[in-house]
């Protein structure tokens, strides 16, 4: 079982890396890009007892991981996707 945690900055939080990516895209001729927001994807390979639990319990455990470590919930949003 795999879990993917998608983390992105909340609206209103400055994103200097996204701004730099947008400027680079413009310099490469992609002038139709209006705004870029950069985020991260964290993939977890789950095994053992956790992987054998019902999907709702797995999702709750991964959300707990995101809240405690994977995302800074003050400035970031996250979503969890289970695969497999």
PDB file of N, CA and C in Angstrom:
ATOM      1  N   UNK A   1       0.858  -1.177   0.000  1.00  0.00           N
ATOM      2  CA  UNK A   1       0.000   0.000   0.000  1.00  0.00           C
ATOM      3  C   UNK A   1       0.903   1.237   0.000  1.00  0.00           C
ATOM      4  N   UNK A   2       0.571   2.182  -0.851  1.00  0.00           N
ATOM      5  CA  UNK A   2       1.276   3.461  -0.903  1.00  0.00           C
ATOM      6  C   UNK A   2       0.328   4.566  -0.503  1.00  0.00           C
ATOM      7  N   UNK A   3       0.894   5.567   0.101  1.00  0.00           N
ATOM      8  CA  UNK A   3       0.140   6.781   0.402  1.00  0.00           C
ATOM      9  C   UNK A   3       0.910   7.954  -0.172  1.00  0.00           C
ATOM     10  N   UNK A   4       0.184   8.867  -0.759  1.00  0.00           N
ATOM     11  CA  UNK A   4       0.792  10.100  -1.270  1.00  0.00           C
ATOM     12  C   UNK A   4       0.208  11.265  -0.486  1.00  0.00           C
ATOM     13  N   UNK A   5       1.093  12.130  -0.023  1.00  0.00           N
ATOM     14  CA  UNK A   5       0.672  13.326   0.687  1.00  0.00           C
ATOM     15  C   UNK A   5       1.088  14.516  -0.171  1.00  0.00           C
ATOM     16  N   UNK A   6       0.097  15.264  -0.638  1.00  0.00           N
ATOM     17  CA  UNK A   6       0.332  16.455  -1.453  1.00  0.00           C
ATOM     18  C   UNK A   6       0.289  17.660  -0.506  1.00  0.00           C
ATOM     19  N   UNK A   7       1.371  18.431  -0.489  1.00  0.00           N
ATOM     20  CA  UNK A   7       1.472  19.584   0.404  1.00  0.00           C
ATOM     21  C   UNK A   7       1.631  20.840  -0.448  1.00  0.00           C
ATOM     22  N   UNK A   8       0.845  21.875  -0.129  1.00  0.00           N
ATOM     23  CA  UNK A   8       0.947  23.143  -0.858  1.00  0.00           C
ATOM     24  C   UNK A   8       0.757  24.298   0.117  1.00  0.00           C
ATOM     25  N   UNK A   9       1.292  25.436  -0.254  1.00  0.00           N
ATOM     26  CA  UNK A   9       1.142  26.623   0.586  1.00  0.00           C
ATOM     27  C   UNK A   9      -0.303  27.101   0.567  1.00  0.00           C
ATOM     28  N   UNK A  10      -0.763  27.605   1.686  1.00  0.00           N
ATOM     29  CA  UNK A  10      -2.111  28.159   1.762  1.00  0.00           C
ATOM     30  C   UNK A  10      -2.180  29.442   0.948  1.00  0.00           C
ATOM     31  N   UNK A  11      -3.378  29.779   0.479  1.00  0.00           N
ATOM     32  CA  UNK A  11      -3.569  31.033  -0.240  1.00  0.00           C
ATOM     33  C   UNK A  11      -3.161  32.188   0.667  1.00  0.00           C
ATOM     34  N   UNK A  12      -2.510  33.166   0.099  1.00  0.00           N
ATOM     35  CA  UNK A  12      -2.079  34.329   0.859  1.00  0.00           C
ATOM     36  C   UNK A  12      -0.670  34.217   1.418  1.00  0.00           C
ATOM     37  N   UNK A  13      -0.102  33.008   1.418  1.00  0.00           N
ATOM     38  CA  UNK A  13       1.277  32.820   1.881  1.00  0.00           C
ATOM     39  C   UNK A  13       2.206  33.059   0.695  1.00  0.00           C
ATOM     40  N   UNK A  14       3.198  33.907   0.889  1.00  0.00           N
ATOM     41  CA  UNK A  14       4.143  34.205  -0.192  1.00  0.00           C
ATOM     42  C   UNK A  14       4.870  32.938  -0.625  1.00  0.00           C
ATOM     43  N   UNK A  15       5.070  32.804  -1.929  1.00  0.00           N
ATOM     44  CA  UNK A  15       5.713  31.629  -2.506  1.00  0.00           C
ATOM     45  C   UNK A  15       6.857  32.073  -3.410  1.00  0.00           C
ATOM     46  N   UNK A  16       8.023  32.406  -2.830  1.00  0.00           N
ATOM     47  CA  UNK A  16       9.137  32.894  -3.650  1.00  0.00           C
ATOM     48  C   UNK A  16       9.636  31.858  -4.663  1.00  0.00           C
ATOM     49  N   UNK A  17       9.575  30.577  -4.319  1.00  0.00           N
ATOM     50  CA  UNK A  17      10.013  29.553  -5.267  1.00  0.00           C
ATOM     51  C   UNK A  17       9.046  29.477  -6.445  1.00  0.00           C
ATOM     52  N   UNK A  18       7.756  29.569  -6.177  1.00  0.00           N
ATOM     53  CA  UNK A  18       6.770  29.594  -7.252  1.00  0.00           C
ATOM     54  C   UNK A  18       6.968  30.801  -8.156  1.00  0.00           C
ATOM     55  N   UNK A  19       7.265  31.950  -7.534  1.00  0.00           N
ATOM     56  CA  UNK A  19       7.519  33.175  -8.307  1.00  0.00           C
ATOM     57  C   UNK A  19       8.727  32.983  -9.224  1.00  0.00           C
ATOM     58  N   UNK A  20       9.803  32.377  -8.703  1.00  0.00           N
ATOM     59  CA  UNK A  20      11.010  32.146  -9.507  1.00  0.00           C
ATOM     60  C   UNK A  20      10.717  31.188 -10.663  1.00  0.00           C
ATOM     61  N   UNK A  21       9.923  30.162 -10.409  1.00  0.00           N
ATOM     62  CA  UNK A  21       9.554  29.224 -11.468  1.00  0.00           C
ATOM     63  C   UNK A  21       8.735  29.941 -12.543  1.00  0.00           C
ATOM     64  N   UNK A  22       7.800  30.784 -12.120  1.00  0.00           N
ATOM     65  CA  UNK A  22       6.997  31.545 -13.075  1.00  0.00           C
ATOM     66  C   UNK A  22       7.844  32.449 -13.940  1.00  0.00           C
ATOM     67  N   UNK A  23       8.805  33.129 -13.330  1.00  0.00           N
ATOM     68  CA  UNK A  23       9.696  34.012 -14.095  1.00  0.00           C
ATOM     69  C   UNK A  23      10.543  33.213 -15.076  1.00  0.00           C
ATOM     70  N   UNK A  24      11.012  32.039 -14.650  1.00  0.00           N
ATOM     71  CA  UNK A  24      11.815  31.196 -15.543  1.00  0.00           C
ATOM     72  C   UNK A  24      10.970  30.710 -16.728  1.00  0.00           C
ATOM     73  N   UNK A  25       9.729  30.335 -16.459  1.00  0.00           N
ATOM     74  CA  UNK A  25       8.853  29.909 -17.549  1.00  0.00           C
ATOM     75  C   UNK A  25       8.611  31.042 -18.540  1.00  0.00           C
ATOM     76  N   UNK A  26       8.414  32.256 -18.025  1.00  0.00           N
ATOM     77  CA  UNK A  26       8.238  33.410 -18.917  1.00  0.00           C
ATOM     78  C   UNK A  26       9.481  33.628 -19.764  1.00  0.00           C
ATOM     79  N   UNK A  27      10.654  33.493 -19.155  1.00  0.00           N
ATOM     80  CA  UNK A  27      11.893  33.710 -19.910  1.00  0.00           C
ATOM     81  C   UNK A  27      12.103  32.635 -20.977  1.00  0.00           C
ATOM     82  N   UNK A  28      11.454  31.481 -20.799  1.00  0.00           N
ATOM     83  CA  UNK A  28      11.538  30.406 -21.797  1.00  0.00           C
ATOM     84  C   UNK A  28      10.449  30.522 -22.856  1.00  0.00           C
ATOM     85  N   UNK A  29       9.650  31.581 -22.773  1.00  0.00           N
ATOM     86  CA  UNK A  29       8.643  31.819 -23.792  1.00  0.00           C
ATOM     87  C   UNK A  29       7.236  31.357 -23.428  1.00  0.00           C
ATOM     88  N   UNK A  30       7.040  30.867 -22.222  1.00  0.00           N
ATOM     89  CA  UNK A  30       5.711  30.429 -21.790  1.00  0.00           C
ATOM     90  C   UNK A  30       4.996  31.588 -21.112  1.00  0.00           C
ATOM     91  N   UNK A  31       4.631  32.576 -21.912  1.00  0.00           N
ATOM     92  CA  UNK A  31       4.076  33.823 -21.377  1.00  0.00           C
ATOM     93  C   UNK A  31       2.625  33.696 -20.917  1.00  0.00           C
ATOM     94  N   UNK A  32       1.962  32.610 -21.241  1.00  0.00           N
ATOM     95  CA  UNK A  32       0.563  32.427 -20.835  1.00  0.00           C
ATOM     96  C   UNK A  32       0.416  31.893 -19.411  1.00  0.00           C
ATOM     97  N   UNK A  33       1.516  31.647 -18.725  1.00  0.00           N
ATOM     98  CA  UNK A  33       1.453  31.194 -17.332  1.00  0.00           C
ATOM     99  C   UNK A  33       1.256  32.420 -16.457  1.00  0.00           C
ATOM    100  N   UNK A  34       0.111  32.475 -15.773  1.00  0.00           N
ATOM    101  CA  UNK A  34      -0.218  33.656 -14.975  1.00  0.00           C
ATOM    102  C   UNK A  34       0.408  33.593 -13.581  1.00  0.00           C
ATOM    103  N   UNK A  35       0.314  32.448 -12.926  1.00  0.00           N
ATOM    104  CA  UNK A  35       0.834  32.333 -11.563  1.00  0.00           C
ATOM    105  C   UNK A  35       1.287  30.895 -11.330  1.00  0.00           C
ATOM    106  N   UNK A  36       2.319  30.735 -10.536  1.00  0.00           N
ATOM    107  CA  UNK A  36       2.831  29.409 -10.186  1.00  0.00           C
ATOM    108  C   UNK A  36       2.866  29.301  -8.669  1.00  0.00           C
ATOM    109  N   UNK A  37       2.327  28.208  -8.158  1.00  0.00           N
ATOM    110  CA  UNK A  37       2.417  27.879  -6.741  1.00  0.00           C
ATOM    111  C   UNK A  37       3.158  26.558  -6.660  1.00  0.00           C
ATOM    112  N   UNK A  38       4.204  26.512  -5.890  1.00  0.00           N
ATOM    113  CA  UNK A  38       5.042  25.330  -5.779  1.00  0.00           C
ATOM    114  C   UNK A  38       4.629  24.546  -4.538  1.00  0.00           C
ATOM    115  N   UNK A  39       4.700  23.220  -4.620  1.00  0.00           N
ATOM    116  CA  UNK A  39       4.376  22.369  -3.483  1.00  0.00           C
ATOM    117  C   UNK A  39       5.306  21.173  -3.454  1.00  0.00           C
ATOM    118  N   UNK A  40       4.907  20.158  -2.688  1.00  0.00           N
ATOM    119  CA  UNK A  40       5.731  18.957  -2.629  1.00  0.00           C
ATOM    120  C   UNK A  40       4.828  17.732  -2.555  1.00  0.00           C
ATOM    121  N   UNK A  41       5.374  16.611  -3.000  1.00  0.00           N
ATOM    122  CA  UNK A  41       4.696  15.328  -2.967  1.00  0.00           C
ATOM    123  C   UNK A  41       5.557  14.397  -2.132  1.00  0.00           C
ATOM    124  N   UNK A  42       4.949  13.776  -1.135  1.00  0.00           N
ATOM    125  CA  UNK A  42       5.650  12.823  -0.284  1.00  0.00           C
ATOM    126  C   UNK A  42       4.994  11.470  -0.477  1.00  0.00           C
ATOM    127  N   UNK A  43       5.755  10.467  -0.918  1.00  0.00           N
ATOM    128  CA  UNK A  43       5.230   9.119  -1.096  1.00  0.00           C
ATOM    129  C   UNK A  43       5.691   8.238   0.051  1.00  0.00           C
ATOM    130  N   UNK A  44       4.759   7.530   0.631  1.00  0.00           N
ATOM    131  CA  UNK A  44       5.049   6.621   1.732  1.00  0.00           C
ATOM    132  C   UNK A  44       4.699   5.204   1.305  1.00  0.00           C
ATOM    133  N   UNK A  45       5.613   4.279   1.461  1.00  0.00           N
ATOM    134  CA  UNK A  45       5.339   2.863   1.241  1.00  0.00           C
ATOM    135  C   UNK A  45       4.983   2.284   2.606  1.00  0.00           C
ATOM    136  N   UNK A  46       3.746   1.841   2.750  1.00  0.00           N
ATOM    137  CA  UNK A  46       3.258   1.351   4.034  1.00  0.00           C
ATOM    138  C   UNK A  46       3.331  -0.165   4.074  1.00  0.00           C
ATOM    139  N   UNK A  47       3.719  -0.696   5.219  1.00  0.00           N
ATOM    140  CA  UNK A  47       3.811  -2.144   5.369  1.00  0.00           C
ATOM    141  C   UNK A  47       3.388  -2.520   6.784  1.00  0.00           C
ATOM    142  N   UNK A  48       3.519  -3.775   7.100  1.00  0.00           N
ATOM    143  CA  UNK A  48       3.216  -4.245   8.442  1.00  0.00           C
ATOM    144  C   UNK A  48       1.747  -4.120   8.776  1.00  0.00           C
ATOM    145  N   UNK A  49       1.475  -3.953  10.061  1.00  0.00           N
ATOM    146  CA  UNK A  49       0.097  -3.920  10.562  1.00  0.00           C
ATOM    147  C   UNK A  49      -0.706  -2.777   9.954  1.00  0.00           C
ATOM    148  N   UNK A  50      -0.060  -1.627   9.743  1.00  0.00           N
ATOM    149  CA  UNK A  50      -0.786  -0.469   9.205  1.00  0.00           C
ATOM    150  C   UNK A  50      -1.349  -0.767   7.820  1.00  0.00           C
ATOM    151  N   UNK A  51      -0.574  -1.411   6.966  1.00  0.00           N
ATOM    152  CA  UNK A  51      -1.004  -1.685   5.592  1.00  0.00           C
ATOM    153  C   UNK A  51      -2.175  -2.661   5.532  1.00  0.00           C
ATOM    154  N   UNK A  52      -2.398  -3.410   6.601  1.00  0.00           N
ATOM    155  CA  UNK A  52      -3.471  -4.413   6.618  1.00  0.00           C
ATOM    156  C   UNK A  52      -4.770  -3.869   7.203  1.00  0.00           C
ATOM    157  N   UNK A  53      -4.735  -2.649   7.695  1.00  0.00           N
ATOM    158  CA  UNK A  53      -5.931  -2.056   8.301  1.00  0.00           C
ATOM    159  C   UNK A  53      -6.896  -1.575   7.221  1.00  0.00           C
ATOM    160  N   UNK A  54      -8.147  -1.310   7.599  1.00  0.00           N
ATOM    161  CA  UNK A  54      -9.094  -0.731   6.639  1.00  0.00           C
ATOM    162  C   UNK A  54      -8.609   0.629   6.131  1.00  0.00           C
ATOM    163  N   UNK A  55      -9.015   0.961   4.912  1.00  0.00           N
ATOM    164  CA  UNK A  55      -8.536   2.201   4.288  1.00  0.00           C
ATOM    165  C   UNK A  55      -8.807   3.428   5.146  1.00  0.00           C
ATOM    166  N   UNK A  56      -9.931   3.484   5.815  1.00  0.00           N
ATOM    167  CA  UNK A  56     -10.258   4.644   6.645  1.00  0.00           C
ATOM    168  C   UNK A  56      -9.238   4.815   7.767  1.00  0.00           C
ATOM    169  N   UNK A  57      -8.786   3.717   8.355  1.00  0.00           N
ATOM    170  CA  UNK A  57      -7.788   3.787   9.428  1.00  0.00           C
ATOM    171  C   UNK A  57      -6.413   4.162   8.879  1.00  0.00           C
ATOM    172  N   UNK A  58      -6.083   3.650   7.701  1.00  0.00           N
ATOM    173  CA  UNK A  58      -4.806   4.001   7.067  1.00  0.00           C
ATOM    174  C   UNK A  58      -4.786   5.494   6.761  1.00  0.00           C
ATOM    175  N   UNK A  59      -5.873   5.981   6.172  1.00  0.00           N
ATOM    176  CA  UNK A  59      -5.955   7.404   5.834  1.00  0.00           C
ATOM    177  C   UNK A  59      -5.846   8.265   7.087  1.00  0.00           C
ATOM    178  N   UNK A  60      -6.489   7.860   8.164  1.00  0.00           N
ATOM    179  CA  UNK A  60      -6.412   8.614   9.424  1.00  0.00           C
ATOM    180  C   UNK A  60      -4.984   8.632   9.958  1.00  0.00           C
ATOM    181  N   UNK A  61      -4.282   7.516   9.847  1.00  0.00           N
ATOM    182  CA  UNK A  61      -2.896   7.448  10.320  1.00  0.00           C
ATOM    183  C   UNK A  61      -1.988   8.348   9.487  1.00  0.00           C
ATOM    184  N   UNK A  62      -2.188   8.342   8.169  1.00  0.00           N
ATOM    185  CA  UNK A  62      -1.354   9.181   7.293  1.00  0.00           C
ATOM    186  C   UNK A  62      -1.661  10.660   7.531  1.00  0.00           C
ATOM    187  N   UNK A  63      -2.928  10.996   7.746  1.00  0.00           N
ATOM    188  CA  UNK A  63      -3.272  12.386   8.078  1.00  0.00           C
ATOM    189  C   UNK A  63      -2.606  12.807   9.380  1.00  0.00           C
ATOM    190  N   UNK A  64      -2.535  11.898  10.333  1.00  0.00           N
ATOM    191  CA  UNK A  64      -1.855  12.187  11.597  1.00  0.00           C
ATOM    192  C   UNK A  64      -0.371  12.457  11.351  1.00  0.00           C
ATOM    193  N   UNK A  65       0.249  11.676  10.469  1.00  0.00           N
ATOM    194  CA  UNK A  65       1.657  11.895  10.101  1.00  0.00           C
ATOM    195  C   UNK A  65       1.839  13.276   9.480  1.00  0.00           C
ATOM    196  N   UNK A  66       0.908  13.640   8.584  1.00  0.00           N
ATOM    197  CA  UNK A  66       0.990  14.935   7.909  1.00  0.00           C
ATOM    198  C   UNK A  66       0.855  16.071   8.914  1.00  0.00           C
ATOM    199  N   UNK A  67      -0.089  15.940   9.835  1.00  0.00           N
ATOM    200  CA  UNK A  67      -0.308  16.996  10.839  1.00  0.00           C
ATOM    201  C   UNK A  67       0.901  17.162  11.754  1.00  0.00           C
ATOM    202  N   UNK A  68       1.534  16.039  12.106  1.00  0.00           N
ATOM    203  CA  UNK A  68       2.621  16.073  13.091  1.00  0.00           C
ATOM    204  C   UNK A  68       3.994  16.363  12.483  1.00  0.00           C
ATOM    205  N   UNK A  69       4.186  16.016  11.196  1.00  0.00           N
ATOM    206  CA  UNK A  69       5.533  16.151  10.638  1.00  0.00           C
ATOM    207  C   UNK A  69       5.596  16.615   9.185  1.00  0.00           C
ATOM    208  N   UNK A  70       4.769  16.058   8.324  1.00  0.00           N
ATOM    209  CA  UNK A  70       4.957  16.240   6.884  1.00  0.00           C
ATOM    210  C   UNK A  70       4.544  17.608   6.364  1.00  0.00           C
ATOM    211  N   UNK A  71       3.623  18.275   7.046  1.00  0.00           N
ATOM    212  CA  UNK A  71       3.160  19.599   6.613  1.00  0.00           C
ATOM    213  C   UNK A  71       3.202  20.555   7.789  1.00  0.00           C
ATOM    214  N   UNK A  72       3.529  21.796   7.494  1.00  0.00           N
ATOM    215  CA  UNK A  72       3.427  22.864   8.487  1.00  0.00           C
ATOM    216  C   UNK A  72       2.028  23.436   8.343  1.00  0.00           C
ATOM    217  N   UNK A  73       1.107  22.972   9.167  1.00  0.00           N
ATOM    218  CA  UNK A  73      -0.307  23.298   8.974  1.00  0.00           C
ATOM    219  C   UNK A  73      -0.638  24.766   9.235  1.00  0.00           C
ATOM    220  N   UNK A  74       0.311  25.530   9.736  1.00  0.00           N
ATOM    221  CA  UNK A  74       0.094  26.969   9.900  1.00  0.00           C
ATOM    222  C   UNK A  74       0.083  27.653   8.534  1.00  0.00           C
ATOM    223  N   UNK A  75       0.966  27.209   7.637  1.00  0.00           N
ATOM    224  CA  UNK A  75       1.088  27.865   6.332  1.00  0.00           C
ATOM    225  C   UNK A  75       0.820  26.932   5.154  1.00  0.00           C
ATOM    226  N   UNK A  76       0.611  25.636   5.411  1.00  0.00           N
ATOM    227  CA  UNK A  76       0.438  24.680   4.320  1.00  0.00           C
ATOM    228  C   UNK A  76      -0.861  23.888   4.456  1.00  0.00           C
ATOM    229  N   UNK A  77      -1.422  23.536   3.300  1.00  0.00           N
ATOM    230  CA  UNK A  77      -2.528  22.589   3.209  1.00  0.00           C
ATOM    231  C   UNK A  77      -1.952  21.251   2.772  1.00  0.00           C
ATOM    232  N   UNK A  78      -2.688  20.183   3.041  1.00  0.00           N
ATOM    233  CA  UNK A  78      -2.259  18.876   2.557  1.00  0.00           C
ATOM    234  C   UNK A  78      -3.476  18.037   2.197  1.00  0.00           C
ATOM    235  N   UNK A  79      -3.248  17.064   1.330  1.00  0.00           N
ATOM    236  CA  UNK A  79      -4.268  16.080   1.023  1.00  0.00           C
ATOM    237  C   UNK A  79      -3.601  14.716   0.964  1.00  0.00           C
ATOM    238  N   UNK A  80      -4.371  13.681   1.260  1.00  0.00           N
ATOM    239  CA  UNK A  80      -3.852  12.316   1.302  1.00  0.00           C
ATOM    240  C   UNK A  80      -4.529  11.494   0.218  1.00  0.00           C
ATOM    241  N   UNK A  81      -3.728  10.723  -0.478  1.00  0.00           N
ATOM    242  CA  UNK A  81      -4.217   9.823  -1.531  1.00  0.00           C
ATOM    243  C   UNK A  81      -3.654   8.437  -1.254  1.00  0.00           C
ATOM    244  N   UNK A  82      -4.514   7.440  -1.173  1.00  0.00           N
ATOM    245  CA  UNK A  82      -4.070   6.056  -0.985  1.00  0.00           C
ATOM    246  C   UNK A  82      -4.062   5.364  -2.328  1.00  0.00           C
ATOM    247  N   UNK A  83      -2.996   4.596  -2.590  1.00  0.00           N
ATOM    248  CA  UNK A  83      -2.824   3.906  -3.868  1.00  0.00           C
ATOM    249  C   UNK A  83      -2.582   2.436  -3.577  1.00  0.00           C
ATOM    250  N   UNK A  84      -3.386   1.593  -4.193  1.00  0.00           N
ATOM    251  CA  UNK A  84      -3.175   0.152  -4.051  1.00  0.00           C
ATOM    252  C   UNK A  84      -4.056  -0.516  -3.050  1.00  0.00           C
TER     253      UNK A  84
END
